[in-house]
Amino acid sequence: FYLSSAELFWQKPWFGWGAGSFGDAYAQISQGRYLFTDNPHNEYLRVAVEGGLLSLLILGWLWKTQWRYYSQSKLPHQILQQSILLVFMLGCCFNSWLTDFAPSYFYVLFTSLTVKPAEVWRPGELLYT
């Protein structure tokens, strides 16, 4: 899957094949040579094929920003925040966790609970910031 995904990426490196198009793009190059799949089992390859380099840079920027936010956190669970994010980023090397329901749901839930902790969240703040 990795070599085929790299081949697809190099065919349209800047903006990719389009969101959700991995299966169709893979079918075009596999033509019976490979086992058909709509999942490259690597989130970074899936993002690169579907969205190109631009989407891959945006994903990297998102995780870099989140890592930096957790690094500057003064909360006692800073190590937990960074550890879970690191495990998620590494897990994306071996499966498409942002498209699988359970891991992506966990990521969204984890992020929403740790980015703005309840201890410093004032009611109505989201309406004005």
C-alpha atoms as a PDB file:
ATOM      1  CA  PHE A   1       0.000   0.000   0.000  1.00  0.00           C
ATOM      2  CA  TYR A   2       2.849   2.375   0.768  1.00  0.00           C
ATOM      3  CA  LEU A   3       4.454   2.266  -2.676  1.00  0.00           C
ATOM      4  CA  SER A   4       1.116   2.606  -4.436  1.00  0.00           C
ATOM      5  CA  SER A   5       0.181   5.536  -2.212  1.00  0.00           C
ATOM      6  CA  ALA A   6       3.493   7.235  -2.948  1.00  0.00           C
ATOM      7  CA  GLU A   7       2.880   6.726  -6.666  1.00  0.00           C
ATOM      8  CA  LEU A   8      -0.572   8.322  -6.341  1.00  0.00           C
ATOM      9  CA  PHE A   9       0.864  11.223  -4.373  1.00  0.00           C
ATOM     10  CA  TRP A  10       3.494  11.976  -7.017  1.00  0.00           C
ATOM     11  CA  GLN A  11       0.832  12.030  -9.741  1.00  0.00           C
ATOM     12  CA  LYS A  12      -0.958  14.963  -8.035  1.00  0.00           C
ATOM     13  CA  PRO A  13       1.414  16.270  -5.356  1.00  0.00           C
ATOM     14  CA  TRP A  14       0.042  19.752  -4.667  1.00  0.00           C
ATOM     15  CA  PHE A  15      -3.698  19.372  -4.103  1.00  0.00           C
ATOM     16  CA  GLY A  16      -4.182  15.611  -4.319  1.00  0.00           C
ATOM     17  CA  TRP A  17      -7.027  13.579  -5.742  1.00  0.00           C
ATOM     18  CA  GLY A  18      -9.789  15.099  -3.621  1.00  0.00           C
ATOM     19  CA  ALA A  19     -11.302  14.358  -0.238  1.00  0.00           C
ATOM     20  CA  GLY A  20     -12.469  10.775   0.136  1.00  0.00           C
ATOM     21  CA  SER A  21     -11.032   9.720  -3.206  1.00  0.00           C
ATOM     22  CA  PHE A  22      -8.326   7.295  -2.080  1.00  0.00           C
ATOM     23  CA  GLY A  23     -10.303   4.186  -3.079  1.00  0.00           C
ATOM     24  CA  ASP A  24     -11.063   5.498  -6.562  1.00  0.00           C
ATOM     25  CA  ALA A  25      -7.513   6.704  -7.151  1.00  0.00           C
ATOM     26  CA  TYR A  26      -6.073   3.426  -5.895  1.00  0.00           C
ATOM     27  CA  ALA A  27      -8.404   1.462  -8.189  1.00  0.00           C
ATOM     28  CA  GLN A  28      -7.042   3.397 -11.179  1.00  0.00           C
ATOM     29  CA  ILE A  29      -3.451   2.376 -10.581  1.00  0.00           C
ATOM     30  CA  SER A  30      -3.995  -1.096  -9.155  1.00  0.00           C
ATOM     31  CA  GLN A  31      -5.966  -2.503 -12.140  1.00  0.00           C
ATOM     32  CA  GLY A  32      -5.945  -5.986 -10.653  1.00  0.00           C
ATOM     33  CA  ARG A  33      -2.220  -5.940  -9.799  1.00  0.00           C
ATOM     34  CA  TYR A  34      -2.822  -5.258  -6.120  1.00  0.00           C
ATOM     35  CA  LEU A  35      -5.425  -6.107  -3.530  1.00  0.00           C
ATOM     36  CA  PHE A  36      -8.072  -3.371  -3.664  1.00  0.00           C
ATOM     37  CA  THR A  37      -8.371  -1.126  -0.641  1.00  0.00           C
ATOM     38  CA  ASP A  38      -9.742   2.267   0.230  1.00  0.00           C
ATOM     39  CA  ASN A  39      -7.385   2.593   3.200  1.00  0.00           C
ATOM     40  CA  PRO A  40      -3.578   2.856   2.868  1.00  0.00           C
ATOM     41  CA  HIS A  41      -3.151   2.001   6.572  1.00  0.00           C
ATOM     42  CA  ASN A  42      -1.193   5.210   7.072  1.00  0.00           C
ATOM     43  CA  GLU A  43      -2.943   8.491   7.845  1.00  0.00           C
ATOM     44  CA  TYR A  44      -0.152  10.633   6.428  1.00  0.00           C
ATOM     45  CA  LEU A  45      -0.231   8.810   3.092  1.00  0.00           C
ATOM     46  CA  ARG A  46      -4.022   9.028   2.946  1.00  0.00           C
ATOM     47  CA  VAL A  47      -3.927  12.767   3.620  1.00  0.00           C
ATOM     48  CA  ALA A  48      -1.131  13.236   1.065  1.00  0.00           C
ATOM     49  CA  VAL A  49      -2.993  11.300  -1.637  1.00  0.00           C
ATOM     50  CA  GLU A  50      -6.374  12.897  -1.016  1.00  0.00           C
ATOM     51  CA  GLY A  51      -5.300  16.455  -0.206  1.00  0.00           C
ATOM     52  CA  GLY A  52      -1.767  16.731  -1.493  1.00  0.00           C
ATOM     53  CA  LEU A  53       1.148  18.461   0.123  1.00  0.00           C
ATOM     54  CA  LEU A  54      -1.037  21.369   1.206  1.00  0.00           C
ATOM     55  CA  SER A  55      -3.248  19.120   3.361  1.00  0.00           C
ATOM     56  CA  LEU A  56      -0.242  17.310   4.768  1.00  0.00           C
ATOM     57  CA  LEU A  57       1.284  20.644   5.810  1.00  0.00           C
ATOM     58  CA  ILE A  58      -1.996  21.719   7.419  1.00  0.00           C
ATOM     59  CA  LEU A  59      -2.162  18.472   9.407  1.00  0.00           C
ATOM     60  CA  GLY A  60       1.449  18.954  10.501  1.00  0.00           C
ATOM     61  CA  TRP A  61       0.703  22.550  11.492  1.00  0.00           C
ATOM     62  CA  LEU A  62      -2.331  21.413  13.518  1.00  0.00           C
ATOM     63  CA  TRP A  63      -0.328  18.861  15.483  1.00  0.00           C
ATOM     64  CA  LYS A  64       2.633  21.221  15.925  1.00  0.00           C
ATOM     65  CA  THR A  65       0.296  23.889  17.288  1.00  0.00           C
ATOM     66  CA  GLN A  66      -1.373  21.424  19.607  1.00  0.00           C
ATOM     67  CA  TRP A  67       2.010  20.134  20.813  1.00  0.00           C
ATOM     68  CA  ARG A  68       3.202  23.692  21.454  1.00  0.00           C
ATOM     69  CA  TYR A  69       0.041  24.513  23.358  1.00  0.00           C
ATOM     70  CA  TYR A  70       0.517  21.451  25.562  1.00  0.00           C
ATOM     71  CA  SER A  71       4.212  22.329  26.059  1.00  0.00           C
ATOM     72  CA  GLN A  72       3.268  25.725  27.445  1.00  0.00           C
ATOM     73  CA  SER A  73       0.500  24.320  29.632  1.00  0.00           C
ATOM     74  CA  LYS A  74       0.971  24.884  33.344  1.00  0.00           C
ATOM     75  CA  LEU A  75      -1.547  22.198  34.224  1.00  0.00           C
ATOM     76  CA  PRO A  76      -0.475  19.058  36.081  1.00  0.00           C
ATOM     77  CA  HIS A  77      -1.536  16.759  33.248  1.00  0.00           C
ATOM     78  CA  GLN A  78       0.837  18.303  30.672  1.00  0.00           C
ATOM     79  CA  ILE A  79       2.806  15.052  30.257  1.00  0.00           C
ATOM     80  CA  LEU A  80      -0.438  13.128  29.744  1.00  0.00           C
ATOM     81  CA  GLN A  81      -1.547  15.609  27.082  1.00  0.00           C
ATOM     82  CA  GLN A  82       1.716  15.329  25.170  1.00  0.00           C
ATOM     83  CA  SER A  83       1.893  11.553  25.574  1.00  0.00           C
ATOM     84  CA  ILE A  84      -1.584  10.934  24.183  1.00  0.00           C
ATOM     85  CA  LEU A  85      -0.945  13.288  21.261  1.00  0.00           C
ATOM     86  CA  LEU A  86       2.374  11.570  20.521  1.00  0.00           C
ATOM     87  CA  VAL A  87       0.776   8.112  20.640  1.00  0.00           C
ATOM     88  CA  PHE A  88      -1.934   9.312  18.264  1.00  0.00           C
ATOM     89  CA  MET A  89       0.608  10.811  15.857  1.00  0.00           C
ATOM     90  CA  LEU A  90       2.634   7.572  15.886  1.00  0.00           C
ATOM     91  CA  GLY A  91      -0.502   5.454  15.505  1.00  0.00           C
ATOM     92  CA  CYS A  92      -1.324   7.365  12.342  1.00  0.00           C
ATOM     93  CA  CYS A  93       1.841   5.872  10.815  1.00  0.00           C
ATOM     94  CA  PHE A  94       0.256   2.412  10.943  1.00  0.00           C
ATOM     95  CA  ASN A  95      -3.422   3.087  10.326  1.00  0.00           C
ATOM     96  CA  SER A  96      -5.762   5.837   9.163  1.00  0.00           C
ATOM     97  CA  TRP A  97      -6.918   6.868  12.608  1.00  0.00           C
ATOM     98  CA  LEU A  98      -8.577  10.104  11.513  1.00  0.00           C
ATOM     99  CA  THR A  99     -10.981   8.156   9.292  1.00  0.00           C
ATOM    100  CA  ASP A 100     -11.630   5.254  11.680  1.00  0.00           C
ATOM    101  CA  PHE A 101     -14.506   6.083  14.026  1.00  0.00           C
ATOM    102  CA  ALA A 102     -13.171   5.073  17.452  1.00  0.00           C
ATOM    103  CA  PRO A 103      -9.685   6.661  17.256  1.00  0.00           C
ATOM    104  CA  SER A 104     -10.939   9.835  15.590  1.00  0.00           C
ATOM    105  CA  TYR A 105     -13.725  10.169  18.156  1.00  0.00           C
ATOM    106  CA  PHE A 106     -11.169   9.714  20.949  1.00  0.00           C
ATOM    107  CA  TYR A 107      -8.896  12.354  19.370  1.00  0.00           C
ATOM    108  CA  VAL A 108     -11.711  14.910  19.113  1.00  0.00           C
ATOM    109  CA  LEU A 109     -12.922  14.181  22.641  1.00  0.00           C
ATOM    110  CA  PHE A 110      -9.384  14.289  24.072  1.00  0.00           C
ATOM    111  CA  THR A 111      -8.598  17.553  22.285  1.00  0.00           C
ATOM    112  CA  SER A 112     -11.821  19.228  23.332  1.00  0.00           C
ATOM    113  CA  LEU A 113     -11.310  18.254  26.963  1.00  0.00           C
ATOM    114  CA  THR A 114      -7.665  19.303  27.199  1.00  0.00           C
ATOM    115  CA  VAL A 115      -7.372  22.419  25.068  1.00  0.00           C
ATOM    116  CA  LYS A 116      -9.585  24.576  27.263  1.00  0.00           C
ATOM    117  CA  PRO A 117      -9.668  23.042  30.761  1.00  0.00           C
ATOM    118  CA  ALA A 118     -12.800  23.527  32.841  1.00  0.00           C
ATOM    119  CA  GLU A 119     -10.806  25.198  35.646  1.00  0.00           C
ATOM    120  CA  VAL A 120     -10.160  28.310  33.562  1.00  0.00           C
ATOM    121  CA  TRP A 121     -13.253  28.314  31.369  1.00  0.00           C
ATOM    122  CA  ARG A 122     -15.658  31.105  32.200  1.00  0.00           C
ATOM    123  CA  PRO A 123     -19.300  30.845  31.098  1.00  0.00           C
ATOM    124  CA  GLY A 124     -19.991  32.831  27.944  1.00  0.00           C
ATOM    125  CA  GLU A 125     -16.318  33.131  27.032  1.00  0.00           C
ATOM    126  CA  LEU A 126     -16.707  31.277  23.746  1.00  0.00           C
ATOM    127  CA  LEU A 127     -19.300  33.772  22.608  1.00  0.00           C
ATOM    128  CA  TYR A 128     -16.855  36.663  22.717  1.00  0.00           C
ATOM    129  CA  THR A 129     -13.432  35.184  21.906  1.00  0.00           C
END
